Amino acid sequence: MSDVHETGPQLSRGEFGLLILALLGRREMYGYEIVAELRRASEGDIDLPEGTVYPALRRLERDGLIGGHWVDVGSGAPRRRYYRLTSDGERALADGRTDWLRFKTAADAVLGG
């Protein structure tokens, strides 16, 4: 047995990507906004560093699931890269939701939830 104690379930790369797609399915967002919204919507249970989100955004964009564009926010502030779902991203989100709900139903049956 390992001496390492985990504090709860850990997100895999695919699950984390699905959460990002779900947030972007609601509206366009920039990186830090995604971090804050994950934290808010999960009541703090999903609290990831920005350094985790930006590589995921680049991967999702490279895979054609999201698109990004730069926005100048004005008066000396750095510009922000806003992301939105592509049509492939919308399909991936729909498929991911279906798969997740099937998994959740099965896990609940095993765990007694």
PDB file of N, CA and C in Angstrom:
ATOM      1  N   MET A   1       0.828  -1.192   0.000  1.00  0.00           N
ATOM      2  CA  MET A   1       0.000   0.000   0.000  1.00  0.00           C
ATOM      3  C   MET A   1       0.867   1.247   0.000  1.00  0.00           C
ATOM      4  N   SER A   2       0.360   2.263  -0.567  1.00  0.00           N
ATOM      5  CA  SER A   2       1.065   3.534  -0.662  1.00  0.00           C
ATOM      6  C   SER A   2       0.824   4.368   0.588  1.00  0.00           C
ATOM      7  N   ASP A   3       1.835   5.150   0.971  1.00  0.00           N
ATOM      8  CA  ASP A   3       1.683   6.064   2.094  1.00  0.00           C
ATOM      9  C   ASP A   3       1.063   7.383   1.673  1.00  0.00           C
ATOM     10  N   VAL A   4       0.860   7.572   0.363  1.00  0.00           N
ATOM     11  CA  VAL A   4       0.302   8.816  -0.139  1.00  0.00           C
ATOM     12  C   VAL A   4      -1.211   8.799   0.079  1.00  0.00           C
ATOM     13  N   HIS A   5      -1.731   9.846   0.702  1.00  0.00           N
ATOM     14  CA  HIS A   5      -3.174   9.946   0.936  1.00  0.00           C
ATOM     15  C   HIS A   5      -3.757  10.938  -0.060  1.00  0.00           C
ATOM     16  N   GLU A   6      -4.679  10.470  -0.858  1.00  0.00           N
ATOM     17  CA  GLU A   6      -5.366  11.338  -1.815  1.00  0.00           C
ATOM     18  C   GLU A   6      -6.529  12.014  -1.104  1.00  0.00           C
ATOM     19  N   THR A   7      -6.802  13.263  -1.440  1.00  0.00           N
ATOM     20  CA  THR A   7      -7.877  13.994  -0.784  1.00  0.00           C
ATOM     21  C   THR A   7      -9.217  13.813  -1.478  1.00  0.00           C
ATOM     22  N   GLY A   8      -9.238  13.153  -2.590  1.00  0.00           N
ATOM     23  CA  GLY A   8     -10.496  12.942  -3.305  1.00  0.00           C
ATOM     24  C   GLY A   8     -10.208  12.491  -4.711  1.00  0.00           C
ATOM     25  N   PRO A   9     -11.258  12.313  -5.493  1.00  0.00           N
ATOM     26  CA  PRO A   9     -11.076  11.886  -6.879  1.00  0.00           C
ATOM     27  C   PRO A   9     -10.237  12.894  -7.658  1.00  0.00           C
ATOM     28  N   GLN A  10      -9.451  12.390  -8.559  1.00  0.00           N
ATOM     29  CA  GLN A  10      -8.611  13.222  -9.406  1.00  0.00           C
ATOM     30  C   GLN A  10      -9.171  13.226 -10.816  1.00  0.00           C
ATOM     31  N   LEU A  11      -9.071  14.369 -11.472  1.00  0.00           N
ATOM     32  CA  LEU A  11      -9.562  14.489 -12.843  1.00  0.00           C
ATOM     33  C   LEU A  11      -8.518  13.988 -13.823  1.00  0.00           C
ATOM     34  N   SER A  12      -8.956  13.214 -14.792  1.00  0.00           N
ATOM     35  CA  SER A  12      -8.064  12.835 -15.879  1.00  0.00           C
ATOM     36  C   SER A  12      -8.051  13.975 -16.898  1.00  0.00           C
ATOM     37  N   ARG A  13      -7.124  13.895 -17.808  1.00  0.00           N
ATOM     38  CA  ARG A  13      -7.013  14.916 -18.857  1.00  0.00           C
ATOM     39  C   ARG A  13      -8.297  15.039 -19.667  1.00  0.00           C
ATOM     40  N   GLY A  14      -8.901  13.906 -20.008  1.00  0.00           N
ATOM     41  CA  GLY A  14     -10.143  13.934 -20.790  1.00  0.00           C
ATOM     42  C   GLY A  14     -11.309  14.520 -20.020  1.00  0.00           C
ATOM     43  N   GLU A  15     -11.408  14.180 -18.738  1.00  0.00           N
ATOM     44  CA  GLU A  15     -12.490  14.728 -17.924  1.00  0.00           C
ATOM     45  C   GLU A  15     -12.326  16.233 -17.768  1.00  0.00           C
ATOM     46  N   PHE A  16     -11.093  16.673 -17.566  1.00  0.00           N
ATOM     47  CA  PHE A  16     -10.827  18.099 -17.423  1.00  0.00           C
ATOM     48  C   PHE A  16     -11.183  18.829 -18.717  1.00  0.00           C
ATOM     49  N   GLY A  17     -10.834  18.251 -19.849  1.00  0.00           N
ATOM     50  CA  GLY A  17     -11.191  18.837 -21.137  1.00  0.00           C
ATOM     51  C   GLY A  17     -12.693  18.931 -21.307  1.00  0.00           C
ATOM     52  N   LEU A  18     -13.412  17.914 -20.859  1.00  0.00           N
ATOM     53  CA  LEU A  18     -14.870  17.925 -20.953  1.00  0.00           C
ATOM     54  C   LEU A  18     -15.457  19.056 -20.109  1.00  0.00           C
ATOM     55  N   LEU A  19     -14.897  19.289 -18.931  1.00  0.00           N
ATOM     56  CA  LEU A  19     -15.380  20.388 -18.087  1.00  0.00           C
ATOM     57  C   LEU A  19     -15.154  21.741 -18.766  1.00  0.00           C
ATOM     58  N   ILE A  20     -14.004  21.897 -19.401  1.00  0.00           N
ATOM     59  CA  ILE A  20     -13.733  23.145 -20.123  1.00  0.00           C
ATOM     60  C   ILE A  20     -14.727  23.311 -21.270  1.00  0.00           C
ATOM     61  N   LEU A  21     -14.960  22.246 -22.023  1.00  0.00           N
ATOM     62  CA  LEU A  21     -15.936  22.324 -23.109  1.00  0.00           C
ATOM     63  C   LEU A  21     -17.312  22.709 -22.579  1.00  0.00           C
ATOM     64  N   ALA A  22     -17.700  22.149 -21.433  1.00  0.00           N
ATOM     65  CA  ALA A  22     -19.008  22.462 -20.864  1.00  0.00           C
ATOM     66  C   ALA A  22     -19.112  23.941 -20.500  1.00  0.00           C
ATOM     67  N   LEU A  23     -18.066  24.494 -19.918  1.00  0.00           N
ATOM     68  CA  LEU A  23     -18.090  25.918 -19.575  1.00  0.00           C
ATOM     69  C   LEU A  23     -18.160  26.776 -20.830  1.00  0.00           C
ATOM     70  N   LEU A  24     -17.382  26.412 -21.844  1.00  0.00           N
ATOM     71  CA  LEU A  24     -17.388  27.188 -23.084  1.00  0.00           C
ATOM     72  C   LEU A  24     -18.685  26.984 -23.860  1.00  0.00           C
ATOM     73  N   GLY A  25     -19.412  25.917 -23.563  1.00  0.00           N
ATOM     74  CA  GLY A  25     -20.730  25.723 -24.151  1.00  0.00           C
ATOM     75  C   GLY A  25     -21.740  26.729 -23.617  1.00  0.00           C
ATOM     76  N   ARG A  26     -21.428  27.330 -22.486  1.00  0.00           N
ATOM     77  CA  ARG A  26     -22.306  28.349 -21.899  1.00  0.00           C
ATOM     78  C   ARG A  26     -22.049  29.720 -22.510  1.00  0.00           C
ATOM     79  N   ARG A  27     -20.737  30.052 -22.690  1.00  0.00           N
ATOM     80  CA  ARG A  27     -20.367  31.358 -23.234  1.00  0.00           C
ATOM     81  C   ARG A  27     -18.869  31.381 -23.503  1.00  0.00           C
ATOM     82  N   GLU A  28     -18.424  32.361 -24.280  1.00  0.00           N
ATOM     83  CA  GLU A  28     -16.994  32.584 -24.481  1.00  0.00           C
ATOM     84  C   GLU A  28     -16.352  32.954 -23.156  1.00  0.00           C
ATOM     85  N   MET A  29     -15.124  32.472 -22.941  1.00  0.00           N
ATOM     86  CA  MET A  29     -14.387  32.815 -21.724  1.00  0.00           C
ATOM     87  C   MET A  29     -12.904  32.880 -22.037  1.00  0.00           C
ATOM     88  N   TYR A  30     -12.160  33.577 -21.185  1.00  0.00           N
ATOM     89  CA  TYR A  30     -10.711  33.585 -21.267  1.00  0.00           C
ATOM     90  C   TYR A  30     -10.162  32.676 -20.164  1.00  0.00           C
ATOM     91  N   GLY A  31      -8.881  32.376 -20.227  1.00  0.00           N
ATOM     92  CA  GLY A  31      -8.277  31.365 -19.355  1.00  0.00           C
ATOM     93  C   GLY A  31      -8.559  31.515 -17.879  1.00  0.00           C
ATOM     94  N   TYR A  32      -8.211  32.676 -17.307  1.00  0.00           N
ATOM     95  CA  TYR A  32      -8.419  32.828 -15.866  1.00  0.00           C
ATOM     96  C   TYR A  32      -9.901  32.767 -15.505  1.00  0.00           C
ATOM     97  N   GLU A  33     -10.752  33.247 -16.386  1.00  0.00           N
ATOM     98  CA  GLU A  33     -12.198  33.180 -16.153  1.00  0.00           C
ATOM     99  C   GLU A  33     -12.656  31.724 -16.052  1.00  0.00           C
ATOM    100  N   ILE A  34     -12.057  30.854 -16.855  1.00  0.00           N
ATOM    101  CA  ILE A  34     -12.382  29.423 -16.802  1.00  0.00           C
ATOM    102  C   ILE A  34     -11.975  28.848 -15.449  1.00  0.00           C
ATOM    103  N   VAL A  35     -10.775  29.196 -14.976  1.00  0.00           N
ATOM    104  CA  VAL A  35     -10.304  28.732 -13.670  1.00  0.00           C
ATOM    105  C   VAL A  35     -11.287  29.165 -12.586  1.00  0.00           C
ATOM    106  N   ALA A  36     -11.659  30.445 -12.599  1.00  0.00           N
ATOM    107  CA  ALA A  36     -12.563  30.983 -11.584  1.00  0.00           C
ATOM    108  C   ALA A  36     -13.945  30.337 -11.663  1.00  0.00           C
ATOM    109  N   GLU A  37     -14.439  30.096 -12.867  1.00  0.00           N
ATOM    110  CA  GLU A  37     -15.771  29.505 -13.029  1.00  0.00           C
ATOM    111  C   GLU A  37     -15.783  28.035 -12.596  1.00  0.00           C
ATOM    112  N   LEU A  38     -14.703  27.303 -12.868  1.00  0.00           N
ATOM    113  CA  LEU A  38     -14.601  25.924 -12.375  1.00  0.00           C
ATOM    114  C   LEU A  38     -14.670  25.907 -10.851  1.00  0.00           C
ATOM    115  N   ARG A  39     -13.942  26.816 -10.232  1.00  0.00           N
ATOM    116  CA  ARG A  39     -13.916  26.915  -8.774  1.00  0.00           C
ATOM    117  C   ARG A  39     -15.315  27.284  -8.239  1.00  0.00           C
ATOM    118  N   ARG A  40     -15.937  28.282  -8.864  1.00  0.00           N
ATOM    119  CA  ARG A  40     -17.239  28.738  -8.399  1.00  0.00           C
ATOM    120  C   ARG A  40     -18.316  27.663  -8.577  1.00  0.00           C
ATOM    121  N   ALA A  41     -18.388  27.097  -9.776  1.00  0.00           N
ATOM    122  CA  ALA A  41     -19.442  26.122 -10.079  1.00  0.00           C
ATOM    123  C   ALA A  41     -19.301  24.844  -9.255  1.00  0.00           C
ATOM    124  N   SER A  42     -18.077  24.489  -8.877  1.00  0.00           N
ATOM    125  CA  SER A  42     -17.856  23.270  -8.095  1.00  0.00           C
ATOM    126  C   SER A  42     -17.784  23.555  -6.602  1.00  0.00           C
ATOM    127  N   GLU A  43     -18.084  24.788  -6.216  1.00  0.00           N
ATOM    128  CA  GLU A  43     -18.010  25.215  -4.819  1.00  0.00           C
ATOM    129  C   GLU A  43     -16.635  24.937  -4.224  1.00  0.00           C
ATOM    130  N   GLY A  44     -15.604  25.158  -5.045  1.00  0.00           N
ATOM    131  CA  GLY A  44     -14.220  25.025  -4.594  1.00  0.00           C
ATOM    132  C   GLY A  44     -13.637  23.632  -4.689  1.00  0.00           C
ATOM    133  N   ASP A  45     -14.433  22.639  -5.045  1.00  0.00           N
ATOM    134  CA  ASP A  45     -13.911  21.273  -5.142  1.00  0.00           C
ATOM    135  C   ASP A  45     -12.981  21.092  -6.333  1.00  0.00           C
ATOM    136  N   ILE A  46     -13.166  21.885  -7.367  1.00  0.00           N
ATOM    137  CA  ILE A  46     -12.254  21.866  -8.514  1.00  0.00           C
ATOM    138  C   ILE A  46     -11.534  23.204  -8.504  1.00  0.00           C
ATOM    139  N   ASP A  47     -10.301  23.176  -8.027  1.00  0.00           N
ATOM    140  CA  ASP A  47      -9.499  24.389  -7.867  1.00  0.00           C
ATOM    141  C   ASP A  47      -8.141  24.130  -8.488  1.00  0.00           C
ATOM    142  N   LEU A  48      -8.047  24.379  -9.775  1.00  0.00           N
ATOM    143  CA  LEU A  48      -6.832  24.051 -10.518  1.00  0.00           C
ATOM    144  C   LEU A  48      -6.005  25.293 -10.779  1.00  0.00           C
ATOM    145  N   PRO A  49      -4.694  25.139 -10.785  1.00  0.00           N
ATOM    146  CA  PRO A  49      -3.848  26.286 -11.107  1.00  0.00           C
ATOM    147  C   PRO A  49      -3.971  26.658 -12.585  1.00  0.00           C
ATOM    148  N   GLU A  50      -3.759  27.941 -12.856  1.00  0.00           N
ATOM    149  CA  GLU A  50      -3.820  28.415 -14.237  1.00  0.00           C
ATOM    150  C   GLU A  50      -2.875  27.627 -15.134  1.00  0.00           C
ATOM    151  N   GLY A  51      -1.752  27.213 -14.583  1.00  0.00           N
ATOM    152  CA  GLY A  51      -0.766  26.463 -15.357  1.00  0.00           C
ATOM    153  C   GLY A  51      -1.267  25.122 -15.845  1.00  0.00           C
ATOM    154  N   THR A  52      -2.362  24.652 -15.312  1.00  0.00           N
ATOM    155  CA  THR A  52      -2.992  23.420 -15.780  1.00  0.00           C
ATOM    156  C   THR A  52      -3.989  23.708 -16.892  1.00  0.00           C
ATOM    157  N   VAL A  53      -4.652  24.846 -16.800  1.00  0.00           N
ATOM    158  CA  VAL A  53      -5.711  25.178 -17.746  1.00  0.00           C
ATOM    159  C   VAL A  53      -5.152  25.567 -19.109  1.00  0.00           C
ATOM    160  N   TYR A  54      -4.106  26.370 -19.144  1.00  0.00           N
ATOM    161  CA  TYR A  54      -3.605  26.873 -20.429  1.00  0.00           C
ATOM    162  C   TYR A  54      -3.099  25.768 -21.363  1.00  0.00           C
ATOM    163  N   PRO A  55      -2.364  24.773 -20.876  1.00  0.00           N
ATOM    164  CA  PRO A  55      -2.004  23.668 -21.789  1.00  0.00           C
ATOM    165  C   PRO A  55      -3.229  22.920 -22.305  1.00  0.00           C
ATOM    166  N   ALA A  56      -4.254  22.770 -21.463  1.00  0.00           N
ATOM    167  CA  ALA A  56      -5.486  22.098 -21.910  1.00  0.00           C
ATOM    168  C   ALA A  56      -6.178  22.915 -22.990  1.00  0.00           C
ATOM    169  N   LEU A  57      -6.206  24.235 -22.825  1.00  0.00           N
ATOM    170  CA  LEU A  57      -6.802  25.088 -23.849  1.00  0.00           C
ATOM    171  C   LEU A  57      -6.049  24.972 -25.168  1.00  0.00           C
ATOM    172  N   ARG A  58      -4.733  24.967 -25.100  1.00  0.00           N
ATOM    173  CA  ARG A  58      -3.933  24.816 -26.338  1.00  0.00           C
ATOM    174  C   ARG A  58      -4.203  23.471 -27.000  1.00  0.00           C
ATOM    175  N   ARG A  59      -4.319  22.404 -26.203  1.00  0.00           N
ATOM    176  CA  ARG A  59      -4.595  21.071 -26.751  1.00  0.00           C
ATOM    177  C   ARG A  59      -5.972  21.033 -27.404  1.00  0.00           C
ATOM    178  N   LEU A  60      -6.981  21.583 -26.721  1.00  0.00           N
ATOM    179  CA  LEU A  60      -8.338  21.599 -27.285  1.00  0.00           C
ATOM    180  C   LEU A  60      -8.400  22.430 -28.564  1.00  0.00           C
ATOM    181  N   GLU A  61      -7.644  23.516 -28.599  1.00  0.00           N
ATOM    182  CA  GLU A  61      -7.613  24.349 -29.807  1.00  0.00           C
ATOM    183  C   GLU A  61      -6.888  23.609 -30.936  1.00  0.00           C
ATOM    184  N   ARG A  62      -5.789  22.973 -30.616  1.00  0.00           N
ATOM    185  CA  ARG A  62      -5.043  22.202 -31.625  1.00  0.00           C
ATOM    186  C   ARG A  62      -5.902  21.065 -32.193  1.00  0.00           C
ATOM    187  N   ASP A  63      -6.748  20.482 -31.332  1.00  0.00           N
ATOM    188  CA  ASP A  63      -7.632  19.389 -31.757  1.00  0.00           C
ATOM    189  C   ASP A  63      -8.878  19.882 -32.488  1.00  0.00           C
ATOM    190  N   GLY A  64      -9.032  21.201 -32.612  1.00  0.00           N
ATOM    191  CA  GLY A  64     -10.157  21.765 -33.349  1.00  0.00           C
ATOM    192  C   GLY A  64     -11.470  21.812 -32.586  1.00  0.00           C
ATOM    193  N   LEU A  65     -11.419  21.621 -31.258  1.00  0.00           N
ATOM    194  CA  LEU A  65     -12.642  21.611 -30.469  1.00  0.00           C
ATOM    195  C   LEU A  65     -13.034  22.993 -29.961  1.00  0.00           C
ATOM    196  N   ILE A  66     -12.051  23.887 -29.887  1.00  0.00           N
ATOM    197  CA  ILE A  66     -12.318  25.271 -29.508  1.00  0.00           C
ATOM    198  C   ILE A  66     -11.537  26.187 -30.447  1.00  0.00           C
ATOM    199  N   GLY A  67     -11.989  27.418 -30.527  1.00  0.00           N
ATOM    200  CA  GLY A  67     -11.278  28.446 -31.279  1.00  0.00           C
ATOM    201  C   GLY A  67     -11.037  29.621 -30.359  1.00  0.00           C
ATOM    202  N   GLY A  68      -9.938  30.319 -30.586  1.00  0.00           N
ATOM    203  CA  GLY A  68      -9.627  31.453 -29.739  1.00  0.00           C
ATOM    204  C   GLY A  68      -9.388  32.710 -30.550  1.00  0.00           C
ATOM    205  N   HIS A  69      -9.610  33.843 -29.916  1.00  0.00           N
ATOM    206  CA  HIS A  69      -9.296  35.123 -30.541  1.00  0.00           C
ATOM    207  C   HIS A  69      -8.874  36.111 -29.448  1.00  0.00           C
ATOM    208  N   TRP A  70      -7.982  37.013 -29.830  1.00  0.00           N
ATOM    209  CA  TRP A  70      -7.455  37.993 -28.895  1.00  0.00           C
ATOM    210  C   TRP A  70      -8.385  39.196 -28.793  1.00  0.00           C
ATOM    211  N   VAL A  71      -8.523  39.723 -27.577  1.00  0.00           N
ATOM    212  CA  VAL A  71      -9.346  40.901 -27.322  1.00  0.00           C
ATOM    213  C   VAL A  71      -8.511  41.889 -26.513  1.00  0.00           C
ATOM    214  N   ASP A  72      -8.451  43.133 -27.010  1.00  0.00           N
ATOM    215  CA  ASP A  72      -7.819  44.205 -26.243  1.00  0.00           C
ATOM    216  C   ASP A  72      -8.822  44.683 -25.215  1.00  0.00           C
ATOM    217  N   VAL A  73      -8.398  44.665 -23.937  1.00  0.00           N
ATOM    218  CA  VAL A  73      -9.324  45.087 -22.884  1.00  0.00           C
ATOM    219  C   VAL A  73      -9.100  46.537 -22.482  1.00  0.00           C
ATOM    220  N   GLY A  74      -8.080  47.168 -23.055  1.00  0.00           N
ATOM    221  CA  GLY A  74      -7.915  48.611 -22.900  1.00  0.00           C
ATOM    222  C   GLY A  74      -6.953  49.054 -21.818  1.00  0.00           C
ATOM    223  N   SER A  75      -6.667  50.318 -21.854  1.00  0.00           N
ATOM    224  CA  SER A  75      -5.823  51.099 -20.949  1.00  0.00           C
ATOM    225  C   SER A  75      -4.675  50.335 -20.285  1.00  0.00           C
ATOM    226  N   GLY A  76      -3.778  49.848 -21.106  1.00  0.00           N
ATOM    227  CA  GLY A  76      -2.555  49.241 -20.603  1.00  0.00           C
ATOM    228  C   GLY A  76      -2.683  47.820 -20.070  1.00  0.00           C
ATOM    229  N   ALA A  77      -3.880  47.284 -20.024  1.00  0.00           N
ATOM    230  CA  ALA A  77      -4.065  45.909 -19.567  1.00  0.00           C
ATOM    231  C   ALA A  77      -3.658  44.954 -20.684  1.00  0.00           C
ATOM    232  N   PRO A  78      -3.111  43.815 -20.321  1.00  0.00           N
ATOM    233  CA  PRO A  78      -2.757  42.854 -21.373  1.00  0.00           C
ATOM    234  C   PRO A  78      -3.997  42.343 -22.092  1.00  0.00           C
ATOM    235  N   ARG A  79      -3.849  42.011 -23.364  1.00  0.00           N
ATOM    236  CA  ARG A  79      -4.999  41.475 -24.078  1.00  0.00           C
ATOM    237  C   ARG A  79      -5.325  40.083 -23.548  1.00  0.00           C
ATOM    238  N   ARG A  80      -6.535  39.668 -23.792  1.00  0.00           N
ATOM    239  CA  ARG A  80      -7.009  38.362 -23.330  1.00  0.00           C
ATOM    240  C   ARG A  80      -7.377  37.510 -24.532  1.00  0.00           C
ATOM    241  N   ARG A  81      -7.104  36.230 -24.413  1.00  0.00           N
ATOM    242  CA  ARG A  81      -7.500  35.287 -25.456  1.00  0.00           C
ATOM    243  C   ARG A  81      -8.797  34.625 -25.013  1.00  0.00           C
ATOM    244  N   TYR A  82      -9.861  34.918 -25.743  1.00  0.00           N
ATOM    245  CA  TYR A  82     -11.170  34.333 -25.466  1.00  0.00           C
ATOM    246  C   TYR A  82     -11.348  33.085 -26.322  1.00  0.00           C
ATOM    247  N   TYR A  83     -11.992  32.083 -25.720  1.00  0.00           N
ATOM    248  CA  TYR A  83     -12.212  30.805 -26.405  1.00  0.00           C
ATOM    249  C   TYR A  83     -13.708  30.537 -26.529  1.00  0.00           C
ATOM    250  N   ARG A  84     -14.060  29.814 -27.597  1.00  0.00           N
ATOM    251  CA  ARG A  84     -15.436  29.407 -27.840  1.00  0.00           C
ATOM    252  C   ARG A  84     -15.414  28.014 -28.447  1.00  0.00           C
ATOM    253  N   LEU A  85     -16.533  27.316 -28.345  1.00  0.00           N
ATOM    254  CA  LEU A  85     -16.640  25.985 -28.952  1.00  0.00           C
ATOM    255  C   LEU A  85     -16.728  26.090 -30.470  1.00  0.00           C
ATOM    256  N   THR A  86     -16.132  25.148 -31.148  1.00  0.00           N
ATOM    257  CA  THR A  86     -16.353  24.973 -32.584  1.00  0.00           C
ATOM    258  C   THR A  86     -17.492  23.962 -32.741  1.00  0.00           C
ATOM    259  N   SER A  87     -17.915  23.730 -33.966  1.00  0.00           N
ATOM    260  CA  SER A  87     -18.961  22.723 -34.171  1.00  0.00           C
ATOM    261  C   SER A  87     -18.454  21.341 -33.749  1.00  0.00           C
ATOM    262  N   ASP A  88     -17.167  21.037 -33.991  1.00  0.00           N
ATOM    263  CA  ASP A  88     -16.603  19.769 -33.511  1.00  0.00           C
ATOM    264  C   ASP A  88     -16.606  19.718 -31.983  1.00  0.00           C
ATOM    265  N   GLY A  89     -16.345  20.851 -31.359  1.00  0.00           N
ATOM    266  CA  GLY A  89     -16.375  20.927 -29.904  1.00  0.00           C
ATOM    267  C   GLY A  89     -17.769  20.703 -29.352  1.00  0.00           C
ATOM    268  N   GLU A  90     -18.783  21.228 -30.038  1.00  0.00           N
ATOM    269  CA  GLU A  90     -20.167  21.011 -29.609  1.00  0.00           C
ATOM    270  C   GLU A  90     -20.512  19.526 -29.674  1.00  0.00           C
ATOM    271  N   ARG A  91     -20.080  18.856 -30.739  1.00  0.00           N
ATOM    272  CA  ARG A  91     -20.328  17.407 -30.856  1.00  0.00           C
ATOM    273  C   ARG A  91     -19.566  16.637 -29.775  1.00  0.00           C
ATOM    274  N   ALA A  92     -18.314  17.024 -29.536  1.00  0.00           N
ATOM    275  CA  ALA A  92     -17.513  16.353 -28.505  1.00  0.00           C
ATOM    276  C   ALA A  92     -18.140  16.543 -27.126  1.00  0.00           C
ATOM    277  N   LEU A  93     -18.678  17.733 -26.866  1.00  0.00           N
ATOM    278  CA  LEU A  93     -19.343  17.988 -25.587  1.00  0.00           C
ATOM    279  C   LEU A  93     -20.585  17.111 -25.450  1.00  0.00           C
ATOM    280  N   ALA A  94     -21.397  17.038 -26.475  1.00  0.00           N
ATOM    281  CA  ALA A  94     -22.609  16.203 -26.423  1.00  0.00           C
ATOM    282  C   ALA A  94     -22.246  14.740 -26.194  1.00  0.00           C
ATOM    283  N   ASP A  95     -21.253  14.238 -26.933  1.00  0.00           N
ATOM    284  CA  ASP A  95     -20.822  12.848 -26.763  1.00  0.00           C
ATOM    285  C   ASP A  95     -20.237  12.624 -25.372  1.00  0.00           C
ATOM    286  N   GLY A  96     -19.439  13.571 -24.903  1.00  0.00           N
ATOM    287  CA  GLY A  96     -18.824  13.454 -23.585  1.00  0.00           C
ATOM    288  C   GLY A  96     -19.850  13.453 -22.470  1.00  0.00           C
ATOM    289  N   ARG A  97     -20.877  14.287 -22.599  1.00  0.00           N
ATOM    290  CA  ARG A  97     -21.951  14.297 -21.596  1.00  0.00           C
ATOM    291  C   ARG A  97     -22.641  12.942 -21.539  1.00  0.00           C
ATOM    292  N   THR A  98     -22.946  12.380 -22.705  1.00  0.00           N
ATOM    293  CA  THR A  98     -23.605  11.071 -22.767  1.00  0.00           C
ATOM    294  C   THR A  98     -22.743  10.010 -22.097  1.00  0.00           C
ATOM    295  N   ASP A  99     -21.465   9.978 -22.444  1.00  0.00           N
ATOM    296  CA  ASP A  99     -20.544   8.994 -21.856  1.00  0.00           C
ATOM    297  C   ASP A  99     -20.432   9.186 -20.345  1.00  0.00           C
ATOM    298  N   TRP A 100     -20.322  10.452 -19.905  1.00  0.00           N
ATOM    299  CA  TRP A 100     -20.178  10.736 -18.475  1.00  0.00           C
ATOM    300  C   TRP A 100     -21.425  10.304 -17.707  1.00  0.00           C
ATOM    301  N   LEU A 101     -22.604  10.595 -18.234  1.00  0.00           N
ATOM    302  CA  LEU A 101     -23.830  10.207 -17.540  1.00  0.00           C
ATOM    303  C   LEU A 101     -23.964   8.688 -17.456  1.00  0.00           C
ATOM    304  N   ARG A 102     -23.554   8.000 -18.508  1.00  0.00           N
ATOM    305  CA  ARG A 102     -23.585   6.533 -18.477  1.00  0.00           C
ATOM    306  C   ARG A 102     -22.631   6.013 -17.398  1.00  0.00           C
ATOM    307  N   PHE A 103     -21.421   6.580 -17.342  1.00  0.00           N
ATOM    308  CA  PHE A 103     -20.444   6.181 -16.330  1.00  0.00           C
ATOM    309  C   PHE A 103     -20.963   6.500 -14.927  1.00  0.00           C
ATOM    310  N   LYS A 104     -21.535   7.685 -14.743  1.00  0.00           N
ATOM    311  CA  LYS A 104     -22.043   8.098 -13.432  1.00  0.00           C
ATOM    312  C   LYS A 104     -23.149   7.154 -12.967  1.00  0.00           C
ATOM    313  N   THR A 105     -24.045   6.784 -13.866  1.00  0.00           N
ATOM    314  CA  THR A 105     -25.129   5.863 -13.523  1.00  0.00           C
ATOM    315  C   THR A 105     -24.562   4.518 -13.080  1.00  0.00           C
ATOM    316  N   ALA A 106     -23.578   4.016 -13.820  1.00  0.00           N
ATOM    317  CA  ALA A 106     -22.961   2.746 -13.469  1.00  0.00           C
ATOM    318  C   ALA A 106     -22.218   2.827 -12.129  1.00  0.00           C
ATOM    319  N   ALA A 107     -21.486   3.917 -11.921  1.00  0.00           N
ATOM    320  CA  ALA A 107     -20.744   4.089 -10.667  1.00  0.00           C
ATOM    321  C   ALA A 107     -21.711   4.215  -9.488  1.00  0.00           C
ATOM    322  N   ASP A 108     -22.797   4.960  -9.670  1.00  0.00           N
ATOM    323  CA  ASP A 108     -23.786   5.089  -8.608  1.00  0.00           C
ATOM    324  C   ASP A 108     -24.384   3.720  -8.236  1.00  0.00           C
ATOM    325  N   ALA A 109     -24.614   2.878  -9.248  1.00  0.00           N
ATOM    326  CA  ALA A 109     -25.158   1.547  -8.990  1.00  0.00           C
ATOM    327  C   ALA A 109     -24.187   0.711  -8.160  1.00  0.00           C
ATOM    328  N   VAL A 110     -22.909   0.851  -8.444  1.00  0.00           N
ATOM    329  CA  VAL A 110     -21.894   0.085  -7.701  1.00  0.00           C
ATOM    330  C   VAL A 110     -21.690   0.661  -6.298  1.00  0.00           C
ATOM    331  N   LEU A 111     -21.647   1.986  -6.208  1.00  0.00           N
ATOM    332  CA  LEU A 111     -21.371   2.643  -4.936  1.00  0.00           C
ATOM    333  C   LEU A 111     -22.610   2.791  -4.048  1.00  0.00           C
ATOM    334  N   GLY A 112     -23.772   2.545  -4.615  1.00  0.00           N
ATOM    335  CA  GLY A 112     -24.996   2.666  -3.843  1.00  0.00           C
ATOM    336  C   GLY A 112     -25.530   4.073  -3.770  1.00  0.00           C
ATOM    337  N   GLY A 113     -25.225   4.886  -4.800  1.00  0.00           N
ATOM    338  CA  GLY A 113     -25.636   6.292  -4.786  1.00  0.00           C
ATOM    339  C   GLY A 113     -26.933   6.565  -5.331  1.00  0.00           C
TER     340      GLY A 113
END
